[in-house]
């Protein structure tokens, strides 16, 4: 194989933001990330429905549920409750 036929083996760059910005929850243009938006919605009184999370992020239902699972794995206590036939999710706050 000639030198011209070889492809460069550069490492792929997956994220478009720096690690510092990701830790704060801010995207490349100073906007909050979708994950930060989800956390804000989960802190609302009464929680948030899956449909509201989908509308806020533009994700499909399975992606939204996977994000909730990821937050649980990171240590967030997410409560699930049915209100008027609609499942609502909220961050559990510890009792004082």
N, C-alpha and C. Protein backbone atom coordinates (compact mmCIF):
# COMPACT_ATOMS: atom_id res chain seq x y z
N UNK A 1 0.84 -1.17 0.00
CA UNK A 1 0.00 0.00 0.00
C UNK A 1 0.89 1.24 0.00
N UNK A 2 0.54 2.19 -0.77
CA UNK A 2 1.36 3.40 -0.87
C UNK A 2 1.01 4.37 0.25
N UNK A 3 1.85 5.36 0.42
CA UNK A 3 1.65 6.37 1.46
C UNK A 3 0.35 7.15 1.22
N UNK A 4 -0.02 7.36 -0.04
CA UNK A 4 -1.23 8.12 -0.34
C UNK A 4 -2.49 7.31 -0.03
N UNK A 5 -2.42 5.99 -0.08
CA UNK A 5 -3.59 5.16 0.14
C UNK A 5 -3.95 4.99 1.60
N UNK A 6 -3.08 5.37 2.51
CA UNK A 6 -3.35 5.22 3.93
C UNK A 6 -4.23 6.36 4.43
N UNK A 7 -5.16 6.01 5.27
CA UNK A 7 -5.99 7.04 5.91
C UNK A 7 -5.34 7.43 7.23
N UNK A 8 -5.53 8.66 7.61
CA UNK A 8 -4.97 9.10 8.88
C UNK A 8 -5.74 8.45 10.02
N UNK A 9 -5.06 8.10 11.07
CA UNK A 9 -5.67 7.44 12.23
C UNK A 9 -5.77 8.41 13.39
N UNK A 10 -6.42 9.54 13.16
CA UNK A 10 -6.63 10.51 14.23
C UNK A 10 -7.70 10.00 15.18
N UNK A 11 -7.56 10.28 16.46
CA UNK A 11 -8.63 9.90 17.37
C UNK A 11 -9.89 10.70 17.06
N UNK A 12 -11.03 10.03 17.13
CA UNK A 12 -12.29 10.71 16.84
C UNK A 12 -12.66 11.63 17.99
N UNK A 13 -13.18 12.76 17.67
CA UNK A 13 -13.59 13.71 18.68
C UNK A 13 -15.11 13.67 18.77
N UNK A 14 -15.61 13.23 19.90
CA UNK A 14 -17.04 13.01 20.04
C UNK A 14 -17.77 14.22 20.62
N UNK A 15 -17.17 14.89 21.56
CA UNK A 15 -17.84 16.01 22.22
C UNK A 15 -17.41 17.32 21.58
N UNK A 16 -18.34 18.25 21.54
CA UNK A 16 -18.03 19.56 20.97
C UNK A 16 -17.88 20.63 22.04
N UNK A 17 -17.69 20.21 23.26
CA UNK A 17 -17.49 21.17 24.34
C UNK A 17 -16.34 20.70 25.22
N UNK A 18 -15.83 21.62 25.99
CA UNK A 18 -14.72 21.27 26.87
C UNK A 18 -15.25 20.56 28.10
N UNK A 19 -14.36 19.89 28.82
CA UNK A 19 -14.76 19.20 30.04
C UNK A 19 -15.26 20.18 31.10
N UNK A 20 -14.68 21.37 31.16
CA UNK A 20 -15.10 22.37 32.13
C UNK A 20 -16.54 22.79 31.89
N UNK A 21 -16.91 23.01 30.63
CA UNK A 21 -18.27 23.42 30.31
C UNK A 21 -19.25 22.30 30.59
N UNK A 22 -18.85 21.07 30.34
CA UNK A 22 -19.75 19.93 30.59
C UNK A 22 -20.01 19.77 32.08
N UNK A 23 -19.02 20.05 32.90
CA UNK A 23 -19.19 19.91 34.35
C UNK A 23 -20.18 20.93 34.89
N UNK A 24 -20.24 22.09 34.27
CA UNK A 24 -21.13 23.14 34.72
C UNK A 24 -22.51 22.99 34.10
N UNK A 25 -22.62 22.21 33.02
CA UNK A 25 -23.90 22.03 32.36
C UNK A 25 -24.20 23.10 31.34
N UNK A 26 -23.15 23.62 30.71
CA UNK A 26 -23.31 24.68 29.72
C UNK A 26 -22.76 24.19 28.40
N UNK A 27 -23.53 24.38 27.34
CA UNK A 27 -23.11 23.97 26.01
C UNK A 27 -22.09 24.92 25.43
N UNK A 28 -21.73 24.69 24.18
CA UNK A 28 -20.70 25.47 23.52
C UNK A 28 -21.04 26.95 23.38
N UNK A 29 -22.31 27.30 23.22
CA UNK A 29 -22.70 28.69 23.01
C UNK A 29 -23.20 29.35 24.29
N UNK A 30 -22.87 28.80 25.44
CA UNK A 30 -23.31 29.39 26.70
C UNK A 30 -24.72 29.00 27.07
N UNK A 31 -25.34 28.10 26.32
CA UNK A 31 -26.70 27.64 26.59
C UNK A 31 -26.64 26.41 27.49
N UNK A 32 -27.65 26.23 28.33
CA UNK A 32 -27.66 25.03 29.18
C UNK A 32 -27.81 23.77 28.34
N UNK A 33 -27.19 22.69 28.77
CA UNK A 33 -27.31 21.43 28.05
C UNK A 33 -28.69 20.84 28.28
N UNK A 34 -29.03 19.85 27.48
CA UNK A 34 -30.33 19.20 27.63
C UNK A 34 -30.41 18.48 28.97
N UNK A 35 -29.31 17.88 29.40
CA UNK A 35 -29.29 17.20 30.69
C UNK A 35 -29.53 18.19 31.83
N UNK A 36 -28.96 19.38 31.73
CA UNK A 36 -29.19 20.41 32.75
C UNK A 36 -30.64 20.86 32.73
N UNK A 37 -31.22 20.95 31.53
CA UNK A 37 -32.62 21.32 31.39
C UNK A 37 -33.53 20.26 32.05
N UNK A 38 -33.18 18.98 31.85
CA UNK A 38 -33.95 17.89 32.45
C UNK A 38 -33.89 18.00 33.97
N UNK A 39 -32.71 18.24 34.52
CA UNK A 39 -32.59 18.38 35.98
C UNK A 39 -33.41 19.56 36.50
N UNK A 40 -33.41 20.67 35.77
CA UNK A 40 -34.22 21.82 36.19
C UNK A 40 -35.70 21.47 36.21
N UNK A 41 -36.16 20.75 35.18
CA UNK A 41 -37.56 20.37 35.12
C UNK A 41 -37.93 19.39 36.23
N UNK A 42 -37.01 18.50 36.57
CA UNK A 42 -37.26 17.52 37.63
C UNK A 42 -37.35 18.18 39.00
N UNK A 43 -36.77 19.36 39.15
CA UNK A 43 -36.81 20.08 40.43
C UNK A 43 -38.10 20.89 40.60
N UNK A 44 -38.92 20.98 39.55
CA UNK A 44 -40.17 21.75 39.65
C UNK A 44 -41.11 21.13 40.67
N UNK A 45 -41.90 21.94 41.36
CA UNK A 45 -42.92 21.37 42.26
C UNK A 45 -43.92 20.57 41.42
N UNK A 46 -44.21 19.37 41.84
CA UNK A 46 -45.13 18.52 41.09
C UNK A 46 -44.44 17.68 40.03
N UNK A 47 -43.16 17.92 39.82
CA UNK A 47 -42.40 17.12 38.86
C UNK A 47 -42.71 17.46 37.42
N UNK A 48 -42.42 16.49 36.55
CA UNK A 48 -42.57 16.70 35.12
C UNK A 48 -42.98 15.38 34.48
N UNK A 49 -43.79 15.46 33.43
CA UNK A 49 -44.21 14.24 32.73
C UNK A 49 -43.21 13.90 31.64
N UNK A 50 -43.30 12.68 31.14
CA UNK A 50 -42.42 12.25 30.06
C UNK A 50 -42.65 13.09 28.81
N UNK A 51 -43.90 13.44 28.54
CA UNK A 51 -44.20 14.27 27.37
C UNK A 51 -43.55 15.66 27.48
N UNK A 52 -43.56 16.23 28.68
CA UNK A 52 -42.94 17.54 28.88
C UNK A 52 -41.42 17.45 28.71
N UNK A 53 -40.83 16.36 29.19
CA UNK A 53 -39.38 16.18 29.02
C UNK A 53 -39.04 16.02 27.53
N UNK A 54 -39.85 15.27 26.80
CA UNK A 54 -39.63 15.09 25.37
C UNK A 54 -39.71 16.42 24.63
N UNK A 55 -40.71 17.23 24.98
CA UNK A 55 -40.87 18.53 24.32
C UNK A 55 -39.71 19.47 24.62
N UNK A 56 -39.19 19.41 25.85
CA UNK A 56 -38.09 20.30 26.25
C UNK A 56 -36.77 19.92 25.61
N UNK A 57 -36.57 18.62 25.35
CA UNK A 57 -35.28 18.16 24.84
C UNK A 57 -35.29 17.80 23.36
N UNK A 58 -36.48 17.43 22.83
CA UNK A 58 -36.55 16.98 21.45
C UNK A 58 -36.16 15.51 21.31
N UNK A 59 -36.03 14.80 22.43
CA UNK A 59 -35.66 13.39 22.43
C UNK A 59 -36.89 12.52 22.22
N UNK A 60 -36.66 11.30 21.78
CA UNK A 60 -37.71 10.30 21.69
C UNK A 60 -37.97 9.72 23.08
N UNK A 61 -39.13 9.04 23.26
CA UNK A 61 -39.45 8.54 24.61
C UNK A 61 -38.39 7.60 25.19
N UNK A 62 -37.84 6.69 24.39
CA UNK A 62 -36.85 5.76 24.94
C UNK A 62 -35.56 6.48 25.32
N UNK A 63 -35.21 7.53 24.61
CA UNK A 63 -34.01 8.30 24.95
C UNK A 63 -34.24 9.08 26.25
N UNK A 64 -35.44 9.60 26.40
CA UNK A 64 -35.77 10.35 27.61
C UNK A 64 -35.73 9.44 28.83
N UNK A 65 -36.30 8.24 28.71
CA UNK A 65 -36.27 7.30 29.83
C UNK A 65 -34.84 6.86 30.13
N UNK A 66 -34.03 6.69 29.10
CA UNK A 66 -32.62 6.32 29.31
C UNK A 66 -31.87 7.43 30.04
N UNK A 67 -32.20 8.69 29.74
CA UNK A 67 -31.57 9.81 30.44
C UNK A 67 -31.94 9.80 31.92
N UNK A 68 -33.19 9.46 32.22
CA UNK A 68 -33.61 9.36 33.62
C UNK A 68 -32.85 8.23 34.33
N UNK A 69 -32.67 7.12 33.63
CA UNK A 69 -31.90 6.02 34.20
C UNK A 69 -30.45 6.44 34.45
N UNK A 70 -29.88 7.19 33.52
CA UNK A 70 -28.51 7.68 33.69
C UNK A 70 -28.38 8.60 34.88
N UNK A 71 -29.39 9.45 35.10
CA UNK A 71 -29.36 10.33 36.26
C UNK A 71 -29.46 9.52 37.55
N UNK A 72 -30.27 8.47 37.54
CA UNK A 72 -30.36 7.60 38.72
C UNK A 72 -29.01 6.95 39.01
N UNK A 73 -28.34 6.49 37.98
CA UNK A 73 -27.03 5.85 38.15
C UNK A 73 -25.98 6.83 38.66
N UNK A 74 -26.18 8.11 38.38
CA UNK A 74 -25.25 9.12 38.87
C UNK A 74 -25.55 9.53 40.30
N UNK A 75 -26.60 8.94 40.89
CA UNK A 75 -26.90 9.20 42.29
C UNK A 75 -28.09 10.09 42.56
N UNK A 76 -28.79 10.54 41.54
CA UNK A 76 -29.98 11.36 41.76
C UNK A 76 -31.14 10.46 42.14
N UNK A 77 -31.87 10.83 43.18
CA UNK A 77 -33.03 10.06 43.61
C UNK A 77 -34.25 10.60 42.87
N UNK A 78 -34.70 9.87 41.86
CA UNK A 78 -35.82 10.32 41.04
C UNK A 78 -37.05 9.51 41.43
N UNK A 79 -38.07 10.23 41.89
CA UNK A 79 -39.32 9.60 42.29
C UNK A 79 -40.27 9.56 41.10
N UNK A 80 -41.09 8.50 41.05
CA UNK A 80 -42.08 8.36 39.99
C UNK A 80 -43.45 8.25 40.66
N UNK A 81 -44.40 9.05 40.18
CA UNK A 81 -45.72 9.08 40.77
C UNK A 81 -46.75 9.25 39.66
N UNK A 82 -47.94 8.64 39.83
CA UNK A 82 -49.01 8.81 38.85
C UNK A 82 -50.00 9.83 39.36
N UNK A 83 -50.22 10.87 38.57
CA UNK A 83 -51.18 11.92 38.90
C UNK A 83 -52.17 12.00 37.76
N UNK A 84 -53.43 11.70 38.04
CA UNK A 84 -54.50 11.73 37.05
C UNK A 84 -54.16 10.89 35.82
N UNK A 85 -53.57 9.71 36.06
CA UNK A 85 -53.25 8.78 34.97
C UNK A 85 -51.98 9.10 34.21
N UNK A 86 -51.26 10.14 34.60
CA UNK A 86 -50.03 10.54 33.93
C UNK A 86 -48.86 10.33 34.90
N UNK A 87 -47.83 9.62 34.45
CA UNK A 87 -46.66 9.41 35.28
C UNK A 87 -45.82 10.67 35.32
N UNK A 88 -45.49 11.09 36.53
CA UNK A 88 -44.69 12.30 36.72
C UNK A 88 -43.41 11.92 37.45
N UNK A 89 -42.31 12.54 37.05
CA UNK A 89 -41.00 12.28 37.64
C UNK A 89 -40.54 13.54 38.36
N UNK A 90 -39.86 13.34 39.50
CA UNK A 90 -39.34 14.47 40.26
C UNK A 90 -38.13 14.03 41.05
N UNK A 91 -37.24 14.97 41.32
CA UNK A 91 -36.09 14.72 42.18
C UNK A 91 -36.60 14.70 43.61
N UNK A 92 -36.30 13.61 44.32
CA UNK A 92 -36.69 13.53 45.73
C UNK A 92 -35.78 14.41 46.55
N UNK A 93 -36.37 15.22 47.39
CA UNK A 93 -35.58 16.05 48.29
C UNK A 93 -35.58 15.38 49.65
N UNK A 94 -34.43 15.34 50.30
CA UNK A 94 -34.40 14.70 51.62
C UNK A 94 -35.24 15.46 52.63
N UNK A 95 -35.91 14.71 53.51
CA UNK A 95 -36.72 15.33 54.54
C UNK A 95 -35.84 16.03 55.56
N UNK A 96 -36.23 17.23 56.00
CA UNK A 96 -35.40 17.96 56.98
C UNK A 96 -35.46 17.35 58.35
